[in-house]
Amino acid sequence: MSGAGDKVLQEERYKKIQEILKQNDSVKVTELVSVLNVSIDTVRRDLENMETKKLLKRVHGGAILPEERGDQNVFSYRESKNKEKKVELAQLVCEHVSEGQAIALNAGTTNLEIAKKLAERFERLTIISNGLRIIEQFANKPGFTVIVPGGVLDQQEYALYGKKCEEDIAGYNIDLAFISINAISVTKGLTDFRIHEIDIIKAIMSSARQTIVAADSSKFEKVSYLNVCPLDRVDMIMTDSTINEDVVRKYKNSGIKVVYPQN
């Protein structure tokens, strides 16, 4: 009986872990210890078993949603997620950019859509990015100056990272930084699951005259497992038109500017 009971409890934990991942895209081991009221060893065993069953992907300190079935990697999965929202957001971003400015775009699927729109709308910009998919959008733009910092390649994220990358970014004066991020929360600020991207984001923000977070509405009031910075470090957040008005008011009441398309 005890063996059957343990199996039921385990399946209930699996279900709860999946629910959290579906809502937030990522989860910390420490968070699961608290939510499930079990030991850290139990959580780690659960995550190992769930990864074996392809229910999630373990990362340092926690877990994220699994890669799509087939050969597509995590980036490709996120690229197709909330595509229409990201395209609308990218169009809004372009309204805040002027010809001739120096623009920094960290690696990420939202900034990939922004890069596509910048290439369509402008003829003369300086672009600094550690995202290879972003950089290739400007291959046929002779009026653009495209700066690629050196670094180590993250093959899953198509991104460069490392101390050399951060130092290269710090050497430039950036007009506008658009930050692609995994999660935003009034209490926790900006958080992300991409361990190599955190210090790149910080380097970009330190070099930028203005920092704008570009995040579709699904990213709000979620927390990923790595802290980036509090929201008072950013100048505004841009999002899509489906953002909930109550969420906008919550951020406004906390002194955070949220800009979105309004009919």
C-alpha atoms as a PDB file:
ATOM      1  CA  MET A   1       0.000   0.000   0.000  1.00  0.00           C
ATOM      2  CA  SER A   2       2.746   2.444   0.905  1.00  0.00           C
ATOM      3  CA  GLY A   3       4.409   1.902  -2.487  1.00  0.00           C
ATOM      4  CA  ALA A   4       1.162   2.704  -4.311  1.00  0.00           C
ATOM      5  CA  GLY A   5       0.599   5.715  -2.079  1.00  0.00           C
ATOM      6  CA  ASP A   6       4.099   7.030  -2.768  1.00  0.00           C
ATOM      7  CA  LYS A   7       3.471   6.704  -6.507  1.00  0.00           C
ATOM      8  CA  VAL A   8       0.254   8.731  -6.238  1.00  0.00           C
ATOM      9  CA  LEU A   9       2.058  11.466  -4.287  1.00  0.00           C
ATOM     10  CA  GLN A  10       4.844  11.491  -6.845  1.00  0.00           C
ATOM     11  CA  GLU A  11       2.369  11.849  -9.721  1.00  0.00           C
ATOM     12  CA  GLU A  12       0.680  14.727  -7.884  1.00  0.00           C
ATOM     13  CA  ARG A  13       4.055  16.456  -7.550  1.00  0.00           C
ATOM     14  CA  TYR A  14       4.739  15.933 -11.256  1.00  0.00           C
ATOM     15  CA  LYS A  15       1.385  17.479 -12.101  1.00  0.00           C
ATOM     16  CA  LYS A  16       2.052  20.499  -9.888  1.00  0.00           C
ATOM     17  CA  ILE A  17       5.528  20.997 -11.373  1.00  0.00           C
ATOM     18  CA  GLN A  18       4.043  20.887 -14.884  1.00  0.00           C
ATOM     19  CA  GLU A  19       1.391  23.441 -13.901  1.00  0.00           C
ATOM     20  CA  ILE A  20       4.059  25.837 -12.604  1.00  0.00           C
ATOM     21  CA  LEU A  21       6.159  25.405 -15.749  1.00  0.00           C
ATOM     22  CA  LYS A  22       3.157  25.963 -18.003  1.00  0.00           C
ATOM     23  CA  GLN A  23       2.431  29.235 -16.212  1.00  0.00           C
ATOM     24  CA  ASN A  24       5.964  30.588 -15.766  1.00  0.00           C
ATOM     25  CA  ASP A  25       8.118  28.731 -18.345  1.00  0.00           C
ATOM     26  CA  SER A  26      10.688  28.008 -15.614  1.00  0.00           C
ATOM     27  CA  VAL A  27      10.915  27.073 -11.933  1.00  0.00           C
ATOM     28  CA  LYS A  28      13.594  27.056  -9.230  1.00  0.00           C
ATOM     29  CA  VAL A  29      14.439  24.012  -7.121  1.00  0.00           C
ATOM     30  CA  THR A  30      14.085  26.141  -3.972  1.00  0.00           C
ATOM     31  CA  GLU A  31      10.618  27.238  -5.062  1.00  0.00           C
ATOM     32  CA  LEU A  32       9.523  23.628  -5.534  1.00  0.00           C
ATOM     33  CA  VAL A  33      10.852  22.652  -2.094  1.00  0.00           C
ATOM     34  CA  SER A  34       8.535  25.289  -0.608  1.00  0.00           C
ATOM     35  CA  VAL A  35       5.495  24.665  -2.825  1.00  0.00           C
ATOM     36  CA  LEU A  36       5.620  20.860  -2.613  1.00  0.00           C
ATOM     37  CA  ASN A  37       6.745  20.756   1.032  1.00  0.00           C
ATOM     38  CA  VAL A  38       9.394  18.121   0.326  1.00  0.00           C
ATOM     39  CA  SER A  39      13.168  17.890   0.645  1.00  0.00           C
ATOM     40  CA  ILE A  40      15.571  19.290  -1.937  1.00  0.00           C
ATOM     41  CA  ASP A  41      16.720  15.734  -2.717  1.00  0.00           C
ATOM     42  CA  THR A  42      13.133  14.720  -3.506  1.00  0.00           C
ATOM     43  CA  VAL A  43      12.729  17.690  -5.840  1.00  0.00           C
ATOM     44  CA  ARG A  44      15.956  16.864  -7.641  1.00  0.00           C
ATOM     45  CA  ARG A  45      14.906  13.238  -8.097  1.00  0.00           C
ATOM     46  CA  ASP A  46      11.530  14.366  -9.420  1.00  0.00           C
ATOM     47  CA  LEU A  47      13.175  16.697 -11.938  1.00  0.00           C
ATOM     48  CA  GLU A  48      15.580  13.962 -13.048  1.00  0.00           C
ATOM     49  CA  ASN A  49      12.702  11.531 -13.579  1.00  0.00           C
ATOM     50  CA  MET A  50      10.593  14.120 -15.382  1.00  0.00           C
ATOM     51  CA  GLU A  51      13.485  15.024 -17.679  1.00  0.00           C
ATOM     52  CA  THR A  52      13.910  11.334 -18.525  1.00  0.00           C
ATOM     53  CA  LYS A  53      10.228  11.318 -19.514  1.00  0.00           C
ATOM     54  CA  LYS A  54      10.799  14.531 -21.568  1.00  0.00           C
ATOM     55  CA  LEU A  55       8.362  16.468 -19.390  1.00  0.00           C
ATOM     56  CA  LEU A  56      10.913  19.227 -18.712  1.00  0.00           C
ATOM     57  CA  LYS A  57      14.529  20.249 -19.226  1.00  0.00           C
ATOM     58  CA  ARG A  58      16.788  20.640 -16.205  1.00  0.00           C
ATOM     59  CA  VAL A  59      18.987  23.731 -16.013  1.00  0.00           C
ATOM     60  CA  HIS A  60      21.297  25.060 -13.290  1.00  0.00           C
ATOM     61  CA  GLY A  61      19.165  25.603 -10.163  1.00  0.00           C
ATOM     62  CA  GLY A  62      15.859  24.536 -11.634  1.00  0.00           C
ATOM     63  CA  ALA A  63      13.981  23.499 -14.770  1.00  0.00           C
ATOM     64  CA  ILE A  64      12.420  24.978 -17.892  1.00  0.00           C
ATOM     65  CA  LEU A  65       9.842  23.805 -20.383  1.00  0.00           C
ATOM     66  CA  PRO A  66      11.065  20.939 -22.567  1.00  0.00           C
ATOM     67  CA  GLU A  67      12.377  21.458 -26.054  1.00  0.00           C
ATOM     68  CA  GLU A  68       9.836  20.938 -28.797  1.00  0.00           C
ATOM     69  CA  ARG A  69       9.581  17.425 -30.150  1.00  0.00           C
ATOM     70  CA  GLY A  70      11.894  16.841 -33.075  1.00  0.00           C
ATOM     71  CA  ASP A  71      15.072  18.738 -33.831  1.00  0.00           C
ATOM     72  CA  GLN A  72      13.949  22.238 -32.830  1.00  0.00           C
ATOM     73  CA  ASN A  73      15.808  23.736 -29.896  1.00  0.00           C
ATOM     74  CA  VAL A  74      14.586  25.934 -27.054  1.00  0.00           C
ATOM     75  CA  PHE A  75      15.111  29.148 -29.053  1.00  0.00           C
ATOM     76  CA  SER A  76      13.008  27.819 -31.933  1.00  0.00           C
ATOM     77  CA  TYR A  77      10.239  26.895 -29.528  1.00  0.00           C
ATOM     78  CA  ARG A  78      10.159  30.402 -28.070  1.00  0.00           C
ATOM     79  CA  GLU A  79      10.453  32.030 -31.482  1.00  0.00           C
ATOM     80  CA  SER A  80       7.038  30.697 -32.518  1.00  0.00           C
ATOM     81  CA  LYS A  81       5.406  31.437 -29.158  1.00  0.00           C
ATOM     82  CA  ASN A  82       3.220  34.598 -29.056  1.00  0.00           C
ATOM     83  CA  LYS A  83       4.489  35.558 -32.520  1.00  0.00           C
ATOM     84  CA  GLU A  84       1.691  38.050 -33.288  1.00  0.00           C
ATOM     85  CA  LYS A  85       2.235  39.857 -29.992  1.00  0.00           C
ATOM     86  CA  LYS A  86       5.957  40.171 -30.653  1.00  0.00           C
ATOM     87  CA  VAL A  87       5.382  41.542 -34.164  1.00  0.00           C
ATOM     88  CA  GLU A  88       2.955  44.168 -32.833  1.00  0.00           C
ATOM     89  CA  LEU A  89       5.448  45.077 -30.093  1.00  0.00           C
ATOM     90  CA  ALA A  90       8.247  45.392 -32.658  1.00  0.00           C
ATOM     91  CA  GLN A  91       6.173  47.873 -34.647  1.00  0.00           C
ATOM     92  CA  LEU A  92       5.676  49.966 -31.508  1.00  0.00           C
ATOM     93  CA  VAL A  93       9.410  49.921 -30.756  1.00  0.00           C
ATOM     94  CA  CYS A  94      10.180  51.363 -34.193  1.00  0.00           C
ATOM     95  CA  GLU A  95       8.105  54.450 -33.347  1.00  0.00           C
ATOM     96  CA  HIS A  96      10.605  55.265 -30.577  1.00  0.00           C
ATOM     97  CA  VAL A  97      13.702  54.902 -32.758  1.00  0.00           C
ATOM     98  CA  SER A  98      15.256  57.668 -34.872  1.00  0.00           C
ATOM     99  CA  GLU A  99      17.476  57.363 -37.922  1.00  0.00           C
ATOM    100  CA  GLY A 100      21.167  57.394 -37.011  1.00  0.00           C
ATOM    101  CA  GLN A 101      20.850  56.145 -33.437  1.00  0.00           C
ATOM    102  CA  ALA A 102      23.028  53.487 -31.792  1.00  0.00           C
ATOM    103  CA  ILE A 103      20.760  50.594 -30.751  1.00  0.00           C
ATOM    104  CA  ALA A 104      21.663  47.612 -28.550  1.00  0.00           C
ATOM    105  CA  LEU A 105      19.657  44.395 -28.766  1.00  0.00           C
ATOM    106  CA  ASN A 106      20.512  41.490 -26.502  1.00  0.00           C
ATOM    107  CA  ALA A 107      19.831  37.971 -27.763  1.00  0.00           C
ATOM    108  CA  GLY A 108      16.212  36.857 -27.609  1.00  0.00           C
ATOM    109  CA  THR A 109      13.183  36.047 -29.726  1.00  0.00           C
ATOM    110  CA  THR A 110      11.419  39.367 -29.068  1.00  0.00           C
ATOM    111  CA  ASN A 111      14.494  41.311 -30.150  1.00  0.00           C
ATOM    112  CA  LEU A 112      14.666  39.114 -33.245  1.00  0.00           C
ATOM    113  CA  GLU A 113      11.265  40.456 -34.312  1.00  0.00           C
ATOM    114  CA  ILE A 114      12.413  43.990 -33.438  1.00  0.00           C
ATOM    115  CA  ALA A 115      15.510  43.513 -35.614  1.00  0.00           C
ATOM    116  CA  LYS A 116      13.358  42.491 -38.567  1.00  0.00           C
ATOM    117  CA  LYS A 117      11.230  45.634 -38.242  1.00  0.00           C
ATOM    118  CA  LEU A 118      14.259  47.903 -37.801  1.00  0.00           C
ATOM    119  CA  ALA A 119      15.694  46.504 -41.019  1.00  0.00           C
ATOM    120  CA  GLU A 120      12.405  47.233 -42.804  1.00  0.00           C
ATOM    121  CA  ARG A 121      11.890  50.751 -41.465  1.00  0.00           C
ATOM    122  CA  PHE A 122      15.357  52.337 -41.279  1.00  0.00           C
ATOM    123  CA  GLU A 123      18.329  52.974 -43.545  1.00  0.00           C
ATOM    124  CA  ARG A 124      21.002  54.189 -41.132  1.00  0.00           C
ATOM    125  CA  LEU A 125      21.445  52.751 -37.653  1.00  0.00           C
ATOM    126  CA  THR A 126      24.293  51.410 -35.545  1.00  0.00           C
ATOM    127  CA  ILE A 127      23.369  48.006 -34.134  1.00  0.00           C
ATOM    128  CA  ILE A 128      25.192  46.266 -31.294  1.00  0.00           C
ATOM    129  CA  SER A 129      24.072  42.718 -30.498  1.00  0.00           C
ATOM    130  CA  ASN A 130      25.330  39.419 -29.151  1.00  0.00           C
ATOM    131  CA  GLY A 131      22.507  37.578 -30.946  1.00  0.00           C
ATOM    132  CA  LEU A 132      23.565  35.889 -34.185  1.00  0.00           C
ATOM    133  CA  ARG A 133      20.004  35.554 -35.470  1.00  0.00           C
ATOM    134  CA  ILE A 134      19.555  39.271 -34.816  1.00  0.00           C
ATOM    135  CA  ILE A 135      22.781  40.243 -36.568  1.00  0.00           C
ATOM    136  CA  GLU A 136      21.890  38.364 -39.749  1.00  0.00           C
ATOM    137  CA  GLN A 137      18.764  40.503 -40.213  1.00  0.00           C
ATOM    138  CA  PHE A 138      21.020  43.416 -41.212  1.00  0.00           C
ATOM    139  CA  ALA A 139      23.188  41.529 -43.710  1.00  0.00           C
ATOM    140  CA  ASN A 140      21.648  43.412 -46.655  1.00  0.00           C
ATOM    141  CA  LYS A 141      21.560  46.860 -45.033  1.00  0.00           C
ATOM    142  CA  PRO A 142      24.684  48.709 -46.300  1.00  0.00           C
ATOM    143  CA  GLY A 143      23.723  51.891 -44.435  1.00  0.00           C
ATOM    144  CA  PHE A 144      23.789  50.079 -41.082  1.00  0.00           C
ATOM    145  CA  THR A 145      26.876  49.754 -38.907  1.00  0.00           C
ATOM    146  CA  VAL A 146      26.630  46.348 -37.239  1.00  0.00           C
ATOM    147  CA  ILE A 147      28.904  45.681 -34.259  1.00  0.00           C
ATOM    148  CA  VAL A 148      29.407  42.103 -33.085  1.00  0.00           C
ATOM    149  CA  PRO A 149      31.142  41.707 -29.696  1.00  0.00           C
ATOM    150  CA  GLY A 150      33.540  38.808 -29.294  1.00  0.00           C
ATOM    151  CA  GLY A 151      32.748  35.885 -27.040  1.00  0.00           C
ATOM    152  CA  VAL A 152      31.856  32.220 -26.670  1.00  0.00           C
ATOM    153  CA  LEU A 153      28.965  30.775 -28.672  1.00  0.00           C
ATOM    154  CA  ASP A 154      25.860  29.500 -26.878  1.00  0.00           C
ATOM    155  CA  GLN A 155      24.675  27.096 -29.563  1.00  0.00           C
ATOM    156  CA  GLN A 156      21.163  26.686 -28.178  1.00  0.00           C
ATOM    157  CA  GLU A 157      20.521  30.419 -27.985  1.00  0.00           C
ATOM    158  CA  TYR A 158      22.510  31.468 -31.104  1.00  0.00           C
ATOM    159  CA  ALA A 159      24.214  33.994 -28.848  1.00  0.00           C
ATOM    160  CA  LEU A 160      27.681  35.115 -27.798  1.00  0.00           C
ATOM    161  CA  TYR A 161      28.569  35.487 -24.143  1.00  0.00           C
ATOM    162  CA  GLY A 162      31.477  35.773 -21.711  1.00  0.00           C
ATOM    163  CA  LYS A 163      33.786  38.417 -20.234  1.00  0.00           C
ATOM    164  CA  LYS A 164      35.187  39.444 -23.622  1.00  0.00           C
ATOM    165  CA  CYS A 165      31.653  40.011 -24.887  1.00  0.00           C
ATOM    166  CA  GLU A 166      30.765  42.123 -21.850  1.00  0.00           C
ATOM    167  CA  GLU A 167      33.976  44.165 -22.132  1.00  0.00           C
ATOM    168  CA  ASP A 168      33.377  44.839 -25.836  1.00  0.00           C
ATOM    169  CA  ILE A 169      29.837  46.055 -25.151  1.00  0.00           C
ATOM    170  CA  ALA A 170      31.091  48.327 -22.342  1.00  0.00           C
ATOM    171  CA  GLY A 171      33.316  50.116 -24.850  1.00  0.00           C
ATOM    172  CA  TYR A 172      30.382  51.691 -26.704  1.00  0.00           C
ATOM    173  CA  ASN A 173      27.987  54.541 -25.938  1.00  0.00           C
ATOM    174  CA  ILE A 174      24.486  53.297 -26.738  1.00  0.00           C
ATOM    175  CA  ASP A 175      21.470  55.554 -27.336  1.00  0.00           C
ATOM    176  CA  LEU A 176      18.757  52.945 -26.802  1.00  0.00           C
ATOM    177  CA  ALA A 177      18.935  49.464 -25.326  1.00  0.00           C
ATOM    178  CA  PHE A 178      16.021  47.124 -25.971  1.00  0.00           C
ATOM    179  CA  ILE A 179      16.081  44.252 -23.495  1.00  0.00           C
ATOM    180  CA  SER A 180      14.481  40.940 -24.395  1.00  0.00           C
ATOM    181  CA  ILE A 181      13.621  39.189 -21.133  1.00  0.00           C
ATOM    182  CA  ASN A 182      11.902  36.024 -19.917  1.00  0.00           C
ATOM    183  CA  ALA A 183       9.873  37.387 -16.992  1.00  0.00           C
ATOM    184  CA  ILE A 184       8.835  40.672 -15.339  1.00  0.00           C
ATOM    185  CA  SER A 185       7.488  41.199 -11.823  1.00  0.00           C
ATOM    186  CA  VAL A 186       6.833  44.299  -9.733  1.00  0.00           C
ATOM    187  CA  THR A 187       8.431  42.627  -6.729  1.00  0.00           C
ATOM    188  CA  LYS A 188      11.256  40.670  -8.384  1.00  0.00           C
ATOM    189  CA  GLY A 189      11.995  42.947 -11.334  1.00  0.00           C
ATOM    190  CA  LEU A 190      13.577  41.388 -14.415  1.00  0.00           C
ATOM    191  CA  THR A 191      14.390  37.666 -14.228  1.00  0.00           C
ATOM    192  CA  ASP A 192      15.500  35.112 -16.802  1.00  0.00           C
ATOM    193  CA  PHE A 193      16.495  31.450 -17.156  1.00  0.00           C
ATOM    194  CA  ARG A 194      19.385  32.065 -19.604  1.00  0.00           C
ATOM    195  CA  ILE A 195      22.401  31.909 -17.330  1.00  0.00           C
ATOM    196  CA  HIS A 196      24.836  33.257 -19.953  1.00  0.00           C
ATOM    197  CA  GLU A 197      22.609  36.187 -20.916  1.00  0.00           C
ATOM    198  CA  ILE A 198      22.326  37.849 -17.492  1.00  0.00           C
ATOM    199  CA  ASP A 199      25.701  39.618 -17.493  1.00  0.00           C
ATOM    200  CA  ILE A 200      25.293  40.582 -21.160  1.00  0.00           C
ATOM    201  CA  ILE A 201      22.050  42.364 -20.278  1.00  0.00           C
ATOM    202  CA  LYS A 202      23.741  44.147 -17.387  1.00  0.00           C
ATOM    203  CA  ALA A 203      26.625  45.269 -19.621  1.00  0.00           C
ATOM    204  CA  ILE A 204      24.209  46.634 -22.228  1.00  0.00           C
ATOM    205  CA  MET A 205      22.181  48.503 -19.611  1.00  0.00           C
ATOM    206  CA  SER A 206      25.315  50.065 -18.109  1.00  0.00           C
ATOM    207  CA  SER A 207      26.354  51.424 -21.519  1.00  0.00           C
ATOM    208  CA  ALA A 208      22.942  52.719 -22.594  1.00  0.00           C
ATOM    209  CA  ARG A 209      21.552  56.228 -22.259  1.00  0.00           C
ATOM    210  CA  GLN A 210      18.029  54.752 -22.130  1.00  0.00           C
ATOM    211  CA  THR A 211      16.954  51.184 -21.312  1.00  0.00           C
ATOM    212  CA  ILE A 212      13.631  49.874 -22.582  1.00  0.00           C
ATOM    213  CA  VAL A 213      12.342  46.403 -21.780  1.00  0.00           C
ATOM    214  CA  ALA A 214      10.549  44.875 -24.754  1.00  0.00           C
ATOM    215  CA  ALA A 215       8.261  42.100 -23.529  1.00  0.00           C
ATOM    216  CA  ASP A 216       4.952  40.730 -24.770  1.00  0.00           C
ATOM    217  CA  SER A 217       2.068  40.650 -22.309  1.00  0.00           C
ATOM    218  CA  SER A 218       2.586  36.980 -21.392  1.00  0.00           C
ATOM    219  CA  LYS A 219       5.844  37.903 -19.591  1.00  0.00           C
ATOM    220  CA  PHE A 220       4.209  40.095 -16.922  1.00  0.00           C
ATOM    221  CA  GLU A 221       3.907  39.045 -13.284  1.00  0.00           C
ATOM    222  CA  LYS A 222       6.063  35.995 -13.793  1.00  0.00           C
ATOM    223  CA  VAL A 223       9.371  35.126 -12.157  1.00  0.00           C
ATOM    224  CA  SER A 224      12.189  33.110 -13.667  1.00  0.00           C
ATOM    225  CA  TYR A 225      15.020  31.685 -11.588  1.00  0.00           C
ATOM    226  CA  LEU A 226      17.873  34.168 -12.213  1.00  0.00           C
ATOM    227  CA  ASN A 227      17.688  37.782 -11.067  1.00  0.00           C
ATOM    228  CA  VAL A 228      18.724  40.488 -13.539  1.00  0.00           C
ATOM    229  CA  CYS A 229      17.772  43.784 -11.893  1.00  0.00           C
ATOM    230  CA  PRO A 230      14.933  45.656 -10.155  1.00  0.00           C
ATOM    231  CA  LEU A 231      12.521  47.610 -12.340  1.00  0.00           C
ATOM    232  CA  ASP A 232      13.832  50.982 -11.168  1.00  0.00           C
ATOM    233  CA  ARG A 233      16.869  50.271 -13.362  1.00  0.00           C
ATOM    234  CA  VAL A 234      14.808  50.523 -16.563  1.00  0.00           C
ATOM    235  CA  ASP A 235      13.234  53.615 -18.138  1.00  0.00           C
ATOM    236  CA  MET A 236      10.089  51.971 -19.480  1.00  0.00           C
ATOM    237  CA  ILE A 237       8.513  48.707 -20.545  1.00  0.00           C
ATOM    238  CA  MET A 238       6.985  48.277 -24.005  1.00  0.00           C
ATOM    239  CA  THR A 239       4.425  45.571 -24.624  1.00  0.00           C
ATOM    240  CA  ASP A 240       1.522  44.575 -26.900  1.00  0.00           C
ATOM    241  CA  SER A 241      -2.108  45.683 -26.918  1.00  0.00           C
ATOM    242  CA  THR A 242      -3.446  42.603 -25.106  1.00  0.00           C
ATOM    243  CA  ILE A 243      -1.878  43.662 -21.801  1.00  0.00           C
ATOM    244  CA  ASN A 244      -4.421  43.661 -18.968  1.00  0.00           C
ATOM    245  CA  GLU A 245      -5.358  47.164 -17.798  1.00  0.00           C
ATOM    246  CA  ASP A 246      -5.200  46.065 -14.154  1.00  0.00           C
ATOM    247  CA  VAL A 247      -1.611  44.971 -14.687  1.00  0.00           C
ATOM    248  CA  VAL A 248      -0.768  48.329 -16.280  1.00  0.00           C
ATOM    249  CA  ARG A 249      -2.282  50.160 -13.291  1.00  0.00           C
ATOM    250  CA  LYS A 250      -0.329  47.989 -10.862  1.00  0.00           C
ATOM    251  CA  TYR A 251       2.935  48.905 -12.552  1.00  0.00           C
ATOM    252  CA  LYS A 252       1.981  52.565 -12.893  1.00  0.00           C
ATOM    253  CA  ASN A 253       1.174  52.721  -9.170  1.00  0.00           C
ATOM    254  CA  SER A 254       4.672  51.345  -8.542  1.00  0.00           C
ATOM    255  CA  GLY A 255       6.203  54.138 -10.609  1.00  0.00           C
ATOM    256  CA  ILE A 256       6.891  52.001 -13.678  1.00  0.00           C
ATOM    257  CA  LYS A 257       5.994  53.307 -17.146  1.00  0.00           C
ATOM    258  CA  VAL A 258       4.316  50.762 -19.419  1.00  0.00           C
ATOM    259  CA  VAL A 259       3.785  51.727 -23.078  1.00  0.00           C
ATOM    260  CA  TYR A 260       1.538  49.736 -25.411  1.00  0.00           C
ATOM    261  CA  PRO A 261      -0.542  50.297 -28.595  1.00  0.00           C
ATOM    262  CA  GLN A 262      -3.891  51.918 -27.899  1.00  0.00           C
ATOM    263  CA  ASN A 263      -6.672  52.313 -30.444  1.00  0.00           C
END
